[in-house]
N, C-alpha and C. Protein backbone atom coordinates (compact mmCIF):
# COMPACT_ATOMS: atom_id res chain seq x y z
N UNK A 1 1.43 -1.73 -0.07
CA UNK A 1 0.28 -0.32 0.28
C UNK A 1 1.05 1.70 -0.40
N UNK A 2 1.82 1.24 0.90
CA UNK A 2 3.03 1.95 1.08
C UNK A 2 3.22 2.60 0.11
N UNK A 3 3.90 1.23 -1.11
CA UNK A 3 4.26 1.91 -2.48
C UNK A 3 3.61 2.27 -3.90
N UNK A 4 2.24 2.06 -3.29
CA UNK A 4 1.17 2.75 -3.82
C UNK A 4 1.19 3.69 -4.14
N UNK A 5 1.48 4.53 -2.39
CA UNK A 5 1.09 6.09 -2.57
C UNK A 5 3.06 6.65 -2.81
N UNK A 6 3.35 6.08 -3.11
CA UNK A 6 4.75 6.66 -3.38
C UNK A 6 4.90 6.94 -5.30
N UNK A 7 4.38 5.71 -5.29
CA UNK A 7 4.43 5.42 -6.88
C UNK A 7 3.31 6.62 -7.30
N UNK A 8 2.52 7.14 -6.18
CA UNK A 8 1.76 7.79 -7.22
C UNK A 8 1.64 9.49 -7.15
N UNK A 9 2.32 10.17 -5.37
CA UNK A 9 3.11 10.92 -5.92
C UNK A 9 4.56 10.88 -6.90
N UNK A 10 4.94 10.42 -6.98
CA UNK A 10 6.40 10.46 -7.79
C UNK A 10 5.89 10.88 -9.16
N UNK A 11 5.06 10.01 -9.63
CA UNK A 11 3.91 10.14 -10.78
C UNK A 11 3.66 11.56 -10.21
N UNK A 12 2.92 12.19 -9.95
CA UNK A 12 1.26 13.62 -9.59
C UNK A 12 3.03 14.79 -9.33
N UNK A 13 4.11 14.44 -8.70
CA UNK A 13 5.10 15.50 -9.50
C UNK A 13 5.77 15.37 -9.90
N UNK A 14 5.42 14.10 -11.26
CA UNK A 14 6.83 14.76 -12.40
C UNK A 14 5.56 15.56 -13.20
N UNK A 15 4.18 14.79 -13.51
CA UNK A 15 3.62 15.75 -14.37
C UNK A 15 3.88 17.40 -13.83
N UNK A 16 3.72 16.92 -12.59
CA UNK A 16 4.06 18.59 -12.46
C UNK A 16 4.80 19.75 -12.81
N UNK A 17 6.08 18.60 -12.56
CA UNK A 17 7.08 19.95 -12.70
C UNK A 17 6.97 19.87 -14.59
N UNK A 18 6.37 19.18 -14.70
CA UNK A 18 6.60 18.91 -16.52
C UNK A 18 5.58 20.26 -16.89
N UNK A 19 4.99 19.87 -15.77
CA UNK A 19 4.01 21.39 -16.15
C UNK A 19 4.99 23.28 -15.77
N UNK A 20 5.82 22.73 -15.13
CA UNK A 20 6.07 24.03 -14.37
C UNK A 20 7.24 24.97 -15.70
N UNK A 21 7.81 23.37 -16.48
CA UNK A 21 8.43 23.25 -17.43
C UNK A 21 8.81 23.54 -18.26
N UNK A 22 6.58 23.39 -18.82
CA UNK A 22 6.63 23.78 -20.56
C UNK A 22 6.15 25.48 -20.69
N UNK A 23 6.44 26.26 -18.97
CA UNK A 23 5.76 27.58 -19.05
C UNK A 23 6.97 28.02 -19.34
N UNK A 24 8.53 27.86 -20.21
CA UNK A 24 10.10 28.05 -19.99
C UNK A 24 9.48 28.62 -21.86
N UNK A 25 8.80 27.26 -22.16
CA UNK A 25 8.43 28.12 -24.03
C UNK A 25 8.08 29.37 -24.12
N UNK A 26 8.47 29.82 -25.63
CA UNK A 26 8.21 31.30 -25.91
C UNK A 26 6.85 30.42 -27.36
N UNK A 27 5.59 30.83 -27.34
CA UNK A 27 4.66 31.33 -28.01
C UNK A 27 4.27 31.66 -28.49
N UNK A 28 5.48 33.07 -29.26
CA UNK A 28 5.24 33.59 -30.25
C UNK A 28 4.45 33.56 -31.92
N UNK A 29 3.65 34.07 -32.77
CA UNK A 29 3.44 33.28 -33.75
C UNK A 29 4.82 33.10 -34.75
N UNK A 30 5.32 32.10 -36.12
CA UNK A 30 5.74 32.88 -36.28
C UNK A 30 6.27 33.47 -37.16
N UNK A 31 4.80 34.14 -37.90
CA UNK A 31 4.68 35.10 -38.17
C UNK A 31 5.32 36.47 -37.54
N UNK A 32 4.92 36.04 -36.87
CA UNK A 32 5.59 37.82 -36.10
C UNK A 32 6.85 37.40 -35.95
N UNK A 33 7.65 36.77 -35.93
CA UNK A 33 9.20 36.80 -35.48
C UNK A 33 10.11 38.11 -36.53
N UNK A 34 10.81 38.18 -35.87
CA UNK A 34 11.97 38.88 -35.95
C UNK A 34 13.40 37.95 -36.61
N UNK A 35 14.11 38.65 -37.85
CA UNK A 35 14.81 37.41 -38.50
C UNK A 35 15.92 38.08 -36.77
N UNK A 36 16.85 36.97 -36.21
CA UNK A 36 18.16 36.56 -35.94
C UNK A 36 19.07 37.43 -35.76
N UNK A 37 19.35 38.33 -37.15
CA UNK A 37 20.57 39.06 -37.01
C UNK A 37 19.95 40.79 -36.12
N UNK A 38 18.58 40.30 -36.19
CA UNK A 38 18.32 41.97 -36.62
C UNK A 38 18.77 41.74 -34.78
N UNK A 39 18.55 40.86 -34.17
CA UNK A 39 18.99 40.61 -32.35
C UNK A 39 20.21 40.33 -32.39
N UNK A 40 21.02 39.85 -33.11
CA UNK A 40 22.54 39.95 -33.11
C UNK A 40 22.81 40.77 -32.98
N UNK A 41 22.01 41.81 -34.14
CA UNK A 41 23.18 43.43 -34.25
C UNK A 41 22.52 43.66 -32.86
N UNK A 42 21.88 44.00 -32.61
CA UNK A 42 20.95 45.33 -31.48
C UNK A 42 21.78 45.05 -29.90
N UNK A 43 22.06 43.27 -29.72
CA UNK A 43 22.82 42.31 -29.00
C UNK A 43 24.30 43.03 -29.42
N UNK A 44 24.87 43.35 -29.60
CA UNK A 44 26.30 43.96 -30.30
C UNK A 44 26.61 45.27 -29.90
N UNK A 45 25.92 45.91 -30.71
CA UNK A 45 25.85 47.24 -30.47
C UNK A 45 25.30 47.56 -29.45
N UNK A 46 24.63 47.77 -28.09
CA UNK A 46 23.40 47.79 -27.15
C UNK A 46 24.37 47.59 -26.11
N UNK A 47 25.47 45.89 -25.73
CA UNK A 47 25.76 46.26 -24.43
C UNK A 47 27.11 45.20 -25.44
N UNK A 48 27.55 45.42 -26.67
CA UNK A 48 29.20 44.77 -27.07
C UNK A 48 29.27 43.53 -26.07
N UNK A 49 28.23 42.67 -26.73
CA UNK A 49 28.35 41.29 -26.48
C UNK A 49 29.19 40.57 -28.39
N UNK A 50 29.72 40.21 -28.54
CA UNK A 50 30.01 38.44 -29.78
C UNK A 50 28.98 37.28 -29.32
N UNK A 51 28.07 37.66 -29.89
CA UNK A 51 27.24 36.44 -30.29
C UNK A 51 27.37 35.24 -31.21
N UNK A 52 27.53 34.26 -30.95
CA UNK A 52 28.15 33.14 -31.78
C UNK A 52 27.62 32.31 -32.09
N UNK A 53 26.45 32.11 -31.89
CA UNK A 53 25.79 31.77 -32.61
C UNK A 53 23.78 31.53 -31.32
N UNK A 54 22.78 31.21 -32.92
CA UNK A 54 21.15 32.40 -32.29
C UNK A 54 20.63 30.91 -32.71
N UNK A 55 19.95 29.93 -32.15
CA UNK A 55 19.28 28.91 -32.01
C UNK A 55 17.93 29.33 -32.18
N UNK A 56 17.03 28.66 -31.98
CA UNK A 56 16.00 28.48 -32.12
C UNK A 56 15.87 27.12 -30.73
N UNK A 57 15.14 26.80 -29.93
CA UNK A 57 14.48 26.29 -29.21
C UNK A 57 13.27 26.05 -28.11
N UNK A 58 12.23 25.98 -28.03
CA UNK A 58 11.53 26.03 -27.72
C UNK A 58 10.64 26.77 -27.41
N UNK A 59 11.01 27.53 -29.59
CA UNK A 59 9.42 28.52 -29.29
C UNK A 59 10.71 29.45 -28.96
N UNK A 60 11.76 29.71 -28.60
CA UNK A 60 12.57 31.25 -28.19
C UNK A 60 14.27 31.11 -29.29
N UNK A 61 14.35 32.50 -29.43
CA UNK A 61 15.81 32.33 -30.09
C UNK A 61 16.64 31.86 -28.49
N UNK A 62 17.62 31.20 -28.22
CA UNK A 62 19.15 30.47 -27.80
C UNK A 62 19.67 30.77 -27.39
N UNK A 63 20.58 32.09 -27.38
CA UNK A 63 21.67 32.10 -28.32
C UNK A 63 23.26 32.29 -26.98
N UNK A 64 24.17 31.69 -26.95
CA UNK A 64 25.16 32.18 -27.42
C UNK A 64 26.62 33.03 -27.46
N UNK A 65 28.11 33.08 -26.31
CA UNK A 65 28.60 34.28 -26.76
C UNK A 65 29.42 34.22 -25.71
N UNK A 66 30.10 35.91 -25.93
CA UNK A 66 30.40 36.12 -24.52
C UNK A 66 30.06 37.39 -24.18
N UNK A 67 30.04 38.20 -23.84
CA UNK A 67 30.07 39.58 -23.46
C UNK A 67 31.68 40.19 -23.67
N UNK A 68 31.51 42.04 -23.46
CA UNK A 68 32.48 42.15 -23.73
C UNK A 68 33.52 42.42 -23.19
N UNK A 69 33.50 41.30 -21.23
CA UNK A 69 34.51 40.86 -20.75
C UNK A 69 34.99 39.81 -21.05
N UNK A 70 34.23 39.10 -21.57
CA UNK A 70 34.74 37.76 -22.31
C UNK A 70 34.06 36.23 -21.43
N UNK A 71 32.85 36.97 -20.17
CA UNK A 71 32.31 35.95 -20.05
C UNK A 71 31.50 35.19 -20.79
N UNK A 72 31.16 34.20 -20.96
CA UNK A 72 29.77 33.69 -21.14
C UNK A 72 29.49 33.47 -20.75
N UNK A 73 28.06 33.54 -22.27
CA UNK A 73 26.73 34.23 -22.18
C UNK A 73 25.94 33.06 -22.20
N UNK A 74 24.81 31.74 -21.99
CA UNK A 74 23.47 31.89 -22.14
C UNK A 74 22.57 33.37 -22.47
N UNK A 75 21.34 32.89 -23.32
CA UNK A 75 20.45 33.50 -23.04
C UNK A 75 19.33 33.76 -24.21
N UNK A 76 18.10 33.44 -23.68
CA UNK A 76 16.45 33.52 -24.76
C UNK A 76 15.68 34.51 -24.73
N UNK A 77 15.91 35.13 -26.19
CA UNK A 77 14.94 35.99 -26.56
C UNK A 77 13.78 35.13 -27.01
N UNK A 78 12.24 36.19 -27.05
CA UNK A 78 11.47 36.36 -28.21
C UNK A 78 11.14 36.72 -28.63
N UNK A 79 11.12 35.56 -29.44
CA UNK A 79 11.71 35.84 -31.51
C UNK A 79 10.40 36.68 -31.50
N UNK A 80 9.59 37.35 -31.16
CA UNK A 80 9.43 38.31 -32.22
C UNK A 80 9.18 40.07 -31.36
N UNK A 81 9.35 40.09 -29.67
CA UNK A 81 9.56 40.86 -29.16
C UNK A 81 10.90 41.82 -29.51
N UNK A 82 11.89 40.48 -29.09
CA UNK A 82 13.26 40.64 -28.93
C UNK A 82 13.59 40.99 -27.67
N UNK A 83 12.99 40.47 -27.07
CA UNK A 83 12.91 40.78 -25.05
C UNK A 83 12.84 39.36 -24.63
N UNK A 84 14.02 39.42 -23.76
CA UNK A 84 15.74 38.75 -22.67
C UNK A 84 13.61 38.28 -21.91
N UNK A 85 14.29 36.61 -22.64
CA UNK A 85 14.10 35.64 -21.62
C UNK A 85 14.15 35.08 -21.16
N UNK A 86 15.79 34.19 -20.70
CA UNK A 86 15.97 34.18 -19.20
C UNK A 86 17.64 34.66 -19.88
N UNK A 87 18.40 34.82 -19.09
CA UNK A 87 20.23 34.67 -18.67
C UNK A 87 21.00 33.84 -18.12
N UNK A 88 21.92 33.51 -18.35
CA UNK A 88 22.88 32.87 -17.56
C UNK A 88 24.25 33.79 -17.88
N UNK A 89 24.94 33.89 -17.04
CA UNK A 89 26.24 34.36 -17.59
C UNK A 89 27.24 33.81 -16.48
N UNK A 90 27.87 32.23 -16.75
CA UNK A 90 29.56 31.98 -16.83
C UNK A 90 30.22 33.54 -16.54
N UNK A 91 31.17 33.21 -15.36
CA UNK A 91 32.23 34.54 -14.91
C UNK A 91 33.29 33.90 -14.56
N UNK A 92 34.82 35.16 -15.58
CA UNK A 92 35.77 34.31 -15.49
C UNK A 92 36.07 34.81 -13.79
N UNK A 93 37.26 33.97 -14.53
CA UNK A 93 37.89 33.59 -12.70
C UNK A 93 38.29 35.50 -12.07
N UNK A 94 38.03 35.94 -12.75
CA UNK A 94 38.22 38.02 -12.28
C UNK A 94 37.16 38.78 -12.45
N UNK A 95 35.01 37.79 -13.16
CA UNK A 95 34.21 38.79 -13.35
C UNK A 95 33.62 39.59 -12.07
N UNK A 96 33.28 39.33 -12.84
CA UNK A 96 31.73 41.19 -11.70
C UNK A 96 30.66 40.84 -12.28
N UNK A 97 29.58 40.15 -10.73
CA UNK A 97 28.43 40.92 -12.04
C UNK A 97 27.82 42.26 -12.28
N UNK A 98 28.81 42.81 -11.46
CA UNK A 98 27.92 44.48 -10.88
C UNK A 98 27.93 44.71 -11.94
N UNK A 99 28.96 44.76 -13.31
CA UNK A 99 28.11 45.18 -14.40
C UNK A 99 26.45 44.74 -14.93
N UNK A 100 26.44 43.77 -13.97
CA UNK A 100 25.20 43.15 -14.81
C UNK A 100 23.74 44.40 -13.79
N UNK A 101 24.27 44.61 -12.55
CA UNK A 101 23.11 45.22 -12.10
C UNK A 101 22.42 46.15 -11.39
N UNK A 102 21.80 47.04 -12.12
CA UNK A 102 21.10 47.55 -12.24
C UNK A 102 20.88 48.19 -13.82
N UNK A 103 20.97 46.71 -15.11
CA UNK A 103 21.66 47.24 -16.48
C UNK A 103 19.99 46.91 -16.69
N UNK A 104 19.78 47.35 -18.10
CA UNK A 104 18.19 47.44 -18.17
C UNK A 104 18.17 45.03 -18.81
N UNK A 105 19.10 44.79 -18.07
CA UNK A 105 18.56 43.08 -19.01
C UNK A 105 18.31 43.10 -17.69
N UNK A 106 18.52 43.34 -16.46
CA UNK A 106 18.62 42.63 -15.81
C UNK A 106 16.86 43.37 -14.17
N UNK A 107 16.44 44.40 -14.95
CA UNK A 107 15.50 45.14 -14.22
C UNK A 107 13.60 43.69 -15.49
């Protein structure tokens, strides 16, 4: 009896976690998407990033690159509005998060 309860609880938690992960997807209609090159130019001009790759994953533009100090960046953007969806910065040993605090990226 106890194992049935554990199995049901495990199944329920998996279903709920899958539902939460589904919210990470972008849902812009493809007809509204802006070109990837527009996003690349905007980030290079506005923030000095060096964009190495932009691909589509889960309906979002996902990019990898480097910021102006050489820190590795992984970010996802809404393809229609080009608004930041998620951002990961992998700081080098001498990296400093102070560059991002109070910037338009974190507001």
